[in-house]
């Protein structure tokens, strides 16, 4: 007797949103990203990120690391734990967030 199982996986297209100062978002604009946000205050930044977390069409939110550091601990934790959208903090200065996350998850510092 042969048993056949089939699965149907629906793939949903999602968009990228980029949040930060104009000089940060410019490269993403040149690469074709359309959802660019340049908040003018820390309060506007917080409200914008909360809003993006609730938009089902956004799959990835790229944020300037310097802006992430301005947020409350509670909102930073919410962004860190978000699966969809995934929030990525990037910047020009050295950042140990990824290193510390891997070290915490594996118990090993892979950079040594």
N, C-alpha and C. Protein backbone atom coordinates (compact mmCIF):
# COMPACT_ATOMS: atom_id res chain seq x y z
N UNK A 1 0.85 -1.17 0.00
CA UNK A 1 0.00 0.00 0.00
C UNK A 1 0.89 1.23 0.00
N UNK A 2 0.62 2.15 -0.89
CA UNK A 2 1.39 3.38 -1.03
C UNK A 2 0.55 4.55 -0.53
N UNK A 3 1.11 5.28 0.38
CA UNK A 3 0.42 6.45 0.93
C UNK A 3 1.08 7.69 0.39
N UNK A 4 0.33 8.55 -0.20
CA UNK A 4 0.89 9.77 -0.77
C UNK A 4 0.34 10.98 -0.02
N UNK A 5 1.25 11.80 0.47
CA UNK A 5 0.87 13.03 1.16
C UNK A 5 1.33 14.21 0.31
N UNK A 6 0.51 15.21 0.22
CA UNK A 6 0.89 16.41 -0.52
C UNK A 6 0.63 17.63 0.36
N UNK A 7 1.47 18.62 0.18
CA UNK A 7 1.32 19.88 0.89
C UNK A 7 1.27 21.01 -0.11
N UNK A 8 0.49 21.98 0.21
CA UNK A 8 0.45 23.19 -0.60
C UNK A 8 0.96 24.32 0.28
N UNK A 9 1.97 24.98 -0.22
CA UNK A 9 2.55 26.10 0.52
C UNK A 9 2.28 27.38 -0.26
N UNK A 10 1.65 28.30 0.40
CA UNK A 10 1.36 29.58 -0.24
C UNK A 10 2.47 30.56 0.12
N UNK A 11 3.07 31.12 -0.89
CA UNK A 11 4.14 32.10 -0.68
C UNK A 11 3.55 33.48 -0.87
N UNK A 12 3.71 34.30 0.14
CA UNK A 12 3.16 35.66 0.10
C UNK A 12 4.30 36.64 -0.14
N UNK A 13 4.15 37.46 -1.15
CA UNK A 13 5.16 38.48 -1.41
C UNK A 13 5.05 39.57 -0.35
N UNK A 14 6.20 39.97 0.15
CA UNK A 14 6.22 41.00 1.17
C UNK A 14 7.20 42.08 0.75
N UNK A 15 7.08 43.22 1.37
CA UNK A 15 7.89 44.37 0.99
C UNK A 15 8.92 44.69 2.07
N UNK A 16 9.91 45.47 1.67
CA UNK A 16 10.95 45.95 2.57
C UNK A 16 10.65 47.41 2.89
N UNK A 17 10.81 47.77 4.15
CA UNK A 17 10.69 49.16 4.57
C UNK A 17 12.03 49.57 5.17
N UNK A 18 12.46 50.78 4.88
CA UNK A 18 13.73 51.29 5.40
C UNK A 18 13.45 52.57 6.17
N UNK A 19 13.98 52.63 7.40
CA UNK A 19 13.73 53.76 8.29
C UNK A 19 15.06 54.35 8.74
N UNK A 20 15.20 55.66 8.59
CA UNK A 20 16.41 56.33 9.04
C UNK A 20 16.56 57.69 8.39
N UNK A 21 17.67 58.33 8.65
CA UNK A 21 17.91 59.64 8.02
C UNK A 21 18.05 59.50 6.50
N UNK A 22 17.90 60.59 5.81
CA UNK A 22 17.95 60.59 4.34
C UNK A 22 19.22 59.95 3.81
N UNK A 23 20.36 60.25 4.43
CA UNK A 23 21.61 59.67 3.93
C UNK A 23 21.64 58.16 4.10
N UNK A 24 20.90 57.62 5.07
CA UNK A 24 20.82 56.18 5.29
C UNK A 24 19.90 55.52 4.26
N UNK A 25 18.77 56.14 3.97
CA UNK A 25 17.78 55.54 3.09
C UNK A 25 18.10 55.74 1.60
N UNK A 26 18.97 56.65 1.27
CA UNK A 26 19.26 56.98 -0.13
C UNK A 26 19.74 55.77 -0.92
N UNK A 27 20.67 55.00 -0.37
CA UNK A 27 21.18 53.82 -1.07
C UNK A 27 20.10 52.80 -1.35
N UNK A 28 19.18 52.66 -0.41
CA UNK A 28 18.06 51.73 -0.61
C UNK A 28 17.12 52.24 -1.69
N UNK A 29 16.95 53.56 -1.74
CA UNK A 29 16.12 54.16 -2.79
C UNK A 29 16.73 53.88 -4.16
N UNK A 30 18.04 54.04 -4.27
CA UNK A 30 18.73 53.77 -5.53
C UNK A 30 18.63 52.31 -5.93
N UNK A 31 18.50 51.42 -4.94
CA UNK A 31 18.36 49.98 -5.21
C UNK A 31 16.92 49.59 -5.54
N UNK A 32 16.00 50.54 -5.46
CA UNK A 32 14.62 50.27 -5.86
C UNK A 32 13.63 50.06 -4.73
N UNK A 33 14.07 50.20 -3.48
CA UNK A 33 13.13 50.07 -2.36
C UNK A 33 12.21 51.28 -2.36
N UNK A 34 10.92 51.04 -2.23
CA UNK A 34 9.94 52.13 -2.32
C UNK A 34 9.43 52.62 -0.96
N UNK A 35 9.46 51.77 0.06
CA UNK A 35 8.95 52.14 1.38
C UNK A 35 10.08 52.75 2.21
N UNK A 36 10.31 54.03 2.01
CA UNK A 36 11.38 54.74 2.71
C UNK A 36 10.77 55.75 3.66
N UNK A 37 11.29 55.78 4.89
CA UNK A 37 10.75 56.68 5.91
C UNK A 37 11.89 57.43 6.57
N UNK A 38 11.73 58.75 6.67
CA UNK A 38 12.72 59.62 7.30
C UNK A 38 12.06 60.38 8.44
N UNK A 39 11.89 59.74 9.60
CA UNK A 39 11.23 60.42 10.72
C UNK A 39 12.06 61.61 11.20
N UNK A 40 11.37 62.67 11.60
CA UNK A 40 12.06 63.90 11.99
C UNK A 40 12.27 64.02 13.50
N UNK A 41 11.67 63.11 14.28
CA UNK A 41 11.86 63.15 15.73
C UNK A 41 11.85 61.74 16.28
N UNK A 42 12.32 61.60 17.52
CA UNK A 42 12.35 60.29 18.16
C UNK A 42 10.93 59.75 18.37
N UNK A 43 10.00 60.66 18.68
CA UNK A 43 8.61 60.25 18.88
C UNK A 43 8.01 59.74 17.57
N UNK A 44 8.28 60.44 16.48
CA UNK A 44 7.80 60.01 15.17
C UNK A 44 8.42 58.66 14.78
N UNK A 45 9.68 58.47 15.12
CA UNK A 45 10.37 57.20 14.86
C UNK A 45 9.67 56.06 15.59
N UNK A 46 9.39 56.24 16.87
CA UNK A 46 8.72 55.20 17.66
C UNK A 46 7.35 54.86 17.10
N UNK A 47 6.56 55.87 16.78
CA UNK A 47 5.21 55.65 16.26
C UNK A 47 5.26 54.96 14.90
N UNK A 48 6.22 55.35 14.07
CA UNK A 48 6.37 54.74 12.75
C UNK A 48 6.72 53.26 12.86
N UNK A 49 7.66 52.92 13.73
CA UNK A 49 8.07 51.52 13.89
C UNK A 49 6.92 50.67 14.45
N UNK A 50 6.17 51.22 15.38
CA UNK A 50 4.99 50.50 15.90
C UNK A 50 4.00 50.24 14.78
N UNK A 51 3.81 51.23 13.93
CA UNK A 51 2.89 51.10 12.81
C UNK A 51 3.37 50.03 11.82
N UNK A 52 4.67 50.03 11.51
CA UNK A 52 5.22 49.06 10.56
C UNK A 52 5.10 47.63 11.09
N UNK A 53 5.19 47.44 12.40
CA UNK A 53 5.04 46.11 12.98
C UNK A 53 3.66 45.51 12.71
N UNK A 54 2.68 46.37 12.50
CA UNK A 54 1.31 45.92 12.31
C UNK A 54 0.87 45.87 10.85
N UNK A 55 1.79 46.14 9.92
CA UNK A 55 1.44 46.12 8.50
C UNK A 55 1.80 44.76 7.92
N UNK A 56 0.79 44.01 7.52
CA UNK A 56 0.99 42.63 7.07
C UNK A 56 1.78 42.53 5.77
N UNK A 57 1.84 43.58 4.98
CA UNK A 57 2.56 43.52 3.71
C UNK A 57 4.06 43.78 3.87
N UNK A 58 4.49 44.20 5.06
CA UNK A 58 5.91 44.47 5.32
C UNK A 58 6.55 43.21 5.90
N UNK A 59 7.60 42.71 5.24
CA UNK A 59 8.30 41.51 5.69
C UNK A 59 9.61 41.78 6.37
N UNK A 60 10.26 42.89 5.98
CA UNK A 60 11.56 43.26 6.57
C UNK A 60 11.56 44.76 6.80
N UNK A 61 12.01 45.16 7.98
CA UNK A 61 12.20 46.57 8.29
C UNK A 61 13.68 46.77 8.58
N UNK A 62 14.32 47.62 7.79
CA UNK A 62 15.73 47.94 7.99
C UNK A 62 15.79 49.28 8.69
N UNK A 63 16.53 49.32 9.80
CA UNK A 63 16.61 50.53 10.62
C UNK A 63 18.06 50.87 10.89
N UNK A 64 18.36 52.15 10.88
CA UNK A 64 19.69 52.62 11.24
C UNK A 64 19.95 52.28 12.71
N UNK A 65 21.10 51.68 13.01
CA UNK A 65 21.43 51.31 14.40
C UNK A 65 21.38 52.49 15.35
N UNK A 66 21.81 53.64 14.90
CA UNK A 66 21.77 54.81 15.78
C UNK A 66 20.34 55.14 16.18
N UNK A 67 19.40 54.95 15.27
CA UNK A 67 17.99 55.18 15.61
C UNK A 67 17.46 54.12 16.56
N UNK A 68 17.89 52.88 16.38
CA UNK A 68 17.46 51.82 17.30
C UNK A 68 17.88 52.13 18.73
N UNK A 69 19.05 52.70 18.87
CA UNK A 69 19.55 53.01 20.22
C UNK A 69 18.76 54.11 20.90
N UNK A 70 18.00 54.88 20.15
CA UNK A 70 17.19 55.97 20.72
C UNK A 70 15.86 55.48 21.28
N UNK A 71 15.49 54.26 20.96
CA UNK A 71 14.17 53.74 21.33
C UNK A 71 14.14 53.26 22.78
N UNK A 72 12.94 53.16 23.31
CA UNK A 72 12.78 52.63 24.67
C UNK A 72 13.15 51.15 24.66
N UNK A 73 13.55 50.65 25.83
CA UNK A 73 13.92 49.24 25.95
C UNK A 73 12.76 48.33 25.55
N UNK A 74 11.56 48.71 25.92
CA UNK A 74 10.37 47.90 25.63
C UNK A 74 10.15 47.77 24.12
N UNK A 75 10.26 48.89 23.40
CA UNK A 75 10.05 48.86 21.95
C UNK A 75 11.20 48.12 21.26
N UNK A 76 12.42 48.32 21.73
CA UNK A 76 13.56 47.59 21.15
C UNK A 76 13.38 46.09 21.31
N UNK A 77 12.91 45.66 22.47
CA UNK A 77 12.66 44.23 22.70
C UNK A 77 11.57 43.72 21.77
N UNK A 78 10.52 44.49 21.60
CA UNK A 78 9.43 44.11 20.70
C UNK A 78 9.95 43.97 19.26
N UNK A 79 10.81 44.88 18.84
CA UNK A 79 11.38 44.82 17.49
C UNK A 79 12.31 43.63 17.34
N UNK A 80 13.10 43.35 18.36
CA UNK A 80 14.04 42.24 18.33
C UNK A 80 13.32 40.91 18.24
N UNK A 81 12.20 40.79 18.93
CA UNK A 81 11.47 39.53 18.97
C UNK A 81 10.50 39.35 17.81
N UNK A 82 10.33 40.37 16.99
CA UNK A 82 9.40 40.29 15.87
C UNK A 82 9.92 39.34 14.80
N UNK A 83 9.05 38.44 14.37
CA UNK A 83 9.41 37.50 13.31
C UNK A 83 8.97 38.06 11.96
N UNK A 84 7.73 38.51 11.89
CA UNK A 84 7.22 39.14 10.68
C UNK A 84 6.54 40.44 11.07
N UNK A 85 7.12 41.55 10.76
CA UNK A 85 8.34 41.70 9.96
C UNK A 85 9.59 41.45 10.78
N UNK A 86 10.63 41.04 10.09
CA UNK A 86 11.94 40.91 10.70
C UNK A 86 12.58 42.29 10.70
N UNK A 87 13.09 42.71 11.84
CA UNK A 87 13.69 44.03 11.96
C UNK A 87 15.20 43.89 11.99
N UNK A 88 15.87 44.54 11.05
CA UNK A 88 17.33 44.48 10.95
C UNK A 88 17.92 45.84 11.24
N UNK A 89 18.78 45.91 12.23
CA UNK A 89 19.49 47.14 12.52
C UNK A 89 20.85 47.10 11.85
N UNK A 90 21.12 48.06 11.00
CA UNK A 90 22.42 48.12 10.34
C UNK A 90 22.96 49.53 10.44
N UNK A 91 24.26 49.66 10.30
CA UNK A 91 24.87 50.97 10.36
C UNK A 91 26.34 50.90 10.01
N UNK A 92 26.98 52.04 10.08
CA UNK A 92 28.39 52.11 9.70
C UNK A 92 29.31 51.83 10.87
N UNK A 93 28.83 52.03 12.09
CA UNK A 93 29.68 51.77 13.24
C UNK A 93 29.63 50.30 13.61
N UNK A 94 30.67 49.82 14.27
CA UNK A 94 30.71 48.41 14.66
C UNK A 94 29.57 48.10 15.61
N UNK A 95 28.90 47.02 15.33
CA UNK A 95 27.76 46.61 16.14
C UNK A 95 27.95 45.16 16.57
N UNK A 96 27.82 44.91 17.85
CA UNK A 96 28.00 43.56 18.38
C UNK A 96 26.69 42.84 18.63
N UNK A 97 25.57 43.39 18.14
CA UNK A 97 24.27 42.79 18.40
C UNK A 97 24.20 41.38 17.84
N UNK A 98 24.57 41.19 16.58
CA UNK A 98 24.53 39.86 15.98
C UNK A 98 25.46 38.92 16.72
N UNK A 99 26.65 39.39 17.03
CA UNK A 99 27.63 38.57 17.74
C UNK A 99 27.08 38.12 19.08
N UNK A 100 26.48 39.03 19.82
CA UNK A 100 25.93 38.70 21.13
C UNK A 100 24.73 37.75 21.01
N UNK A 101 23.92 37.93 19.97
CA UNK A 101 22.76 37.04 19.78
C UNK A 101 23.21 35.61 19.52
N UNK A 102 24.23 35.46 18.67
CA UNK A 102 24.75 34.12 18.36
C UNK A 102 25.40 33.52 19.60
N UNK A 103 26.15 34.33 20.33
CA UNK A 103 26.81 33.85 21.54
C UNK A 103 25.77 33.39 22.57
N UNK A 104 24.68 34.15 22.69
CA UNK A 104 23.64 33.80 23.63
C UNK A 104 22.92 32.51 23.21
N UNK A 105 22.66 32.37 21.92
CA UNK A 105 21.93 31.20 21.43
C UNK A 105 22.77 29.94 21.47
N UNK A 106 24.06 30.05 21.08
CA UNK A 106 24.91 28.87 20.98
C UNK A 106 25.79 28.64 22.20
N UNK A 107 26.01 29.69 22.97
CA UNK A 107 26.91 29.57 24.10
C UNK A 107 28.39 29.61 23.69
N UNK A 108 28.64 30.02 22.45
CA UNK A 108 30.00 30.05 21.92
C UNK A 108 30.19 31.37 21.16
N UNK A 109 31.35 31.98 21.34
CA UNK A 109 31.68 33.19 20.60
C UNK A 109 32.39 32.78 19.30
N UNK A 110 31.68 32.86 18.18
CA UNK A 110 32.22 32.40 16.90
C UNK A 110 33.29 33.34 16.33
N UNK A 111 33.44 34.52 16.89
CA UNK A 111 34.42 35.47 16.39
C UNK A 111 35.80 35.23 16.99
N UNK A 112 35.93 34.32 17.94
CA UNK A 112 37.22 34.05 18.58
C UNK A 112 37.88 32.85 17.96
